[in-house]
Amino acid sequence: EAWSQPGAINAGLDYYRASVKDTFTTGGWDGSIIVPTLVMHGMKDVALTPKILNGLEDYVMDLKIGKMPLKKPY
């Protein structure tokens, strides 16, 4: 419901844009993510296939991956 509010998606994206703006322009980010991160991935996603998970641990220091199988709709 919250995401359906006018401007909600842009507000969320703007938060991230603002938080990393100086980091990118000053060269202070090496590409590593140091906060604990949980990635939930649908294993039957046709647009973002599971191979995008390969090597993610090289960039995310504290990574947990949840692989979600496709459940039959019936």
C-alpha atoms as a PDB file:
ATOM      1  CA  GLU A   1       0.000   0.000   0.000  1.00  0.00           C
ATOM      2  CA  ALA A   2       2.821   2.414   0.858  1.00  0.00           C
ATOM      3  CA  TRP A   3       4.485   1.955  -2.543  1.00  0.00           C
ATOM      4  CA  SER A   4       1.224   2.742  -4.325  1.00  0.00           C
ATOM      5  CA  GLN A   5       1.153   6.313  -2.984  1.00  0.00           C
ATOM      6  CA  PRO A   6       1.972   9.075  -5.500  1.00  0.00           C
ATOM      7  CA  GLY A   7       5.699   9.800  -5.537  1.00  0.00           C
ATOM      8  CA  ALA A   8       6.600   6.910  -3.233  1.00  0.00           C
ATOM      9  CA  ILE A   9       8.927   5.125  -5.633  1.00  0.00           C
ATOM     10  CA  ASN A  10      10.722   8.326  -6.641  1.00  0.00           C
ATOM     11  CA  ALA A  11      11.155   9.288  -2.991  1.00  0.00           C
ATOM     12  CA  GLY A  12      12.807   5.961  -2.243  1.00  0.00           C
ATOM     13  CA  LEU A  13      15.162   6.274  -5.195  1.00  0.00           C
ATOM     14  CA  ASP A  14      15.991   9.890  -4.367  1.00  0.00           C
ATOM     15  CA  TYR A  15      17.051   8.807  -0.876  1.00  0.00           C
ATOM     16  CA  TYR A  16      19.700   6.503  -2.355  1.00  0.00           C
ATOM     17  CA  ARG A  17      20.756   9.000  -5.000  1.00  0.00           C
ATOM     18  CA  ALA A  18      21.371  11.638  -2.349  1.00  0.00           C
ATOM     19  CA  SER A  19      23.200   9.295   0.010  1.00  0.00           C
ATOM     20  CA  VAL A  20      25.841   8.235  -2.525  1.00  0.00           C
ATOM     21  CA  LYS A  21      26.208  11.419  -4.573  1.00  0.00           C
ATOM     22  CA  ASP A  22      29.321  12.739  -2.793  1.00  0.00           C
ATOM     23  CA  THR A  23      30.863   9.295  -2.534  1.00  0.00           C
ATOM     24  CA  PHE A  24      30.848   8.801  -6.301  1.00  0.00           C
ATOM     25  CA  THR A  25      32.039  12.289  -7.157  1.00  0.00           C
ATOM     26  CA  THR A  26      34.941  12.243  -4.692  1.00  0.00           C
ATOM     27  CA  GLY A  27      36.095   8.735  -5.580  1.00  0.00           C
ATOM     28  CA  GLY A  28      35.576   7.475  -2.019  1.00  0.00           C
ATOM     29  CA  TRP A  29      33.721   4.260  -2.833  1.00  0.00           C
ATOM     30  CA  ASP A  30      35.538   1.108  -3.898  1.00  0.00           C
ATOM     31  CA  GLY A  31      32.405  -0.864  -4.784  1.00  0.00           C
ATOM     32  CA  SER A  32      32.265  -2.887  -1.563  1.00  0.00           C
ATOM     33  CA  ILE A  33      29.105  -3.119   0.500  1.00  0.00           C
ATOM     34  CA  ILE A  34      29.930  -3.494   4.184  1.00  0.00           C
ATOM     35  CA  VAL A  35      26.484  -3.572   5.791  1.00  0.00           C
ATOM     36  CA  PRO A  36      24.763  -6.928   6.370  1.00  0.00           C
ATOM     37  CA  THR A  37      22.765  -7.669   3.223  1.00  0.00           C
ATOM     38  CA  LEU A  38      20.001 -10.147   2.483  1.00  0.00           C
ATOM     39  CA  VAL A  39      19.193 -10.861  -1.157  1.00  0.00           C
ATOM     40  CA  MET A  40      15.964 -12.723  -1.874  1.00  0.00           C
ATOM     41  CA  HIS A  41      15.942 -14.075  -5.423  1.00  0.00           C
ATOM     42  CA  GLY A  42      13.210 -15.881  -7.321  1.00  0.00           C
ATOM     43  CA  MET A  43      14.895 -18.820  -9.013  1.00  0.00           C
ATOM     44  CA  LYS A  44      12.402 -18.835 -11.902  1.00  0.00           C
ATOM     45  CA  ASP A  45      12.707 -15.126 -12.725  1.00  0.00           C
ATOM     46  CA  VAL A  46      12.977 -14.890 -16.507  1.00  0.00           C
ATOM     47  CA  ALA A  47      14.364 -11.328 -16.544  1.00  0.00           C
ATOM     48  CA  LEU A  48      16.943 -11.604 -13.742  1.00  0.00           C
ATOM     49  CA  THR A  49      18.233 -15.149 -13.927  1.00  0.00           C
ATOM     50  CA  PRO A  50      19.997 -16.770 -10.959  1.00  0.00           C
ATOM     51  CA  LYS A  51      23.381 -16.271 -12.619  1.00  0.00           C
ATOM     52  CA  ILE A  52      23.319 -12.624 -11.473  1.00  0.00           C
ATOM     53  CA  LEU A  53      24.072 -13.973  -7.989  1.00  0.00           C
ATOM     54  CA  ASN A  54      27.432 -15.389  -9.132  1.00  0.00           C
ATOM     55  CA  GLY A  55      30.316 -13.436  -7.615  1.00  0.00           C
ATOM     56  CA  LEU A  56      28.101 -11.184  -5.499  1.00  0.00           C
ATOM     57  CA  GLU A  57      29.989 -12.262  -2.388  1.00  0.00           C
ATOM     58  CA  ASP A  58      33.091 -10.560  -3.824  1.00  0.00           C
ATOM     59  CA  TYR A  59      31.402  -7.186  -3.339  1.00  0.00           C
ATOM     60  CA  VAL A  60      29.170  -7.738  -0.308  1.00  0.00           C
ATOM     61  CA  MET A  61      31.074  -8.477   2.902  1.00  0.00           C
ATOM     62  CA  ASP A  62      28.188  -9.877   4.987  1.00  0.00           C
ATOM     63  CA  LEU A  63      25.897 -11.536   2.438  1.00  0.00           C
ATOM     64  CA  LYS A  64      23.042 -13.968   2.825  1.00  0.00           C
ATOM     65  CA  ILE A  65      21.159 -15.176  -0.238  1.00  0.00           C
ATOM     66  CA  GLY A  66      17.657 -16.586  -0.049  1.00  0.00           C
ATOM     67  CA  LYS A  67      16.774 -18.589  -3.149  1.00  0.00           C
ATOM     68  CA  MET A  68      13.027 -18.669  -3.569  1.00  0.00           C
ATOM     69  CA  PRO A  69      11.588 -21.545  -5.605  1.00  0.00           C
ATOM     70  CA  LEU A  70       8.541 -21.000  -7.756  1.00  0.00           C
ATOM     71  CA  LYS A  71       5.379 -22.107  -6.056  1.00  0.00           C
ATOM     72  CA  LYS A  72       2.577 -23.420  -8.194  1.00  0.00           C
ATOM     73  CA  PRO A  73      -0.313 -20.951  -8.223  1.00  0.00           C
ATOM     74  CA  TYR A  74      -2.911 -23.732  -7.799  1.00  0.00           C
END
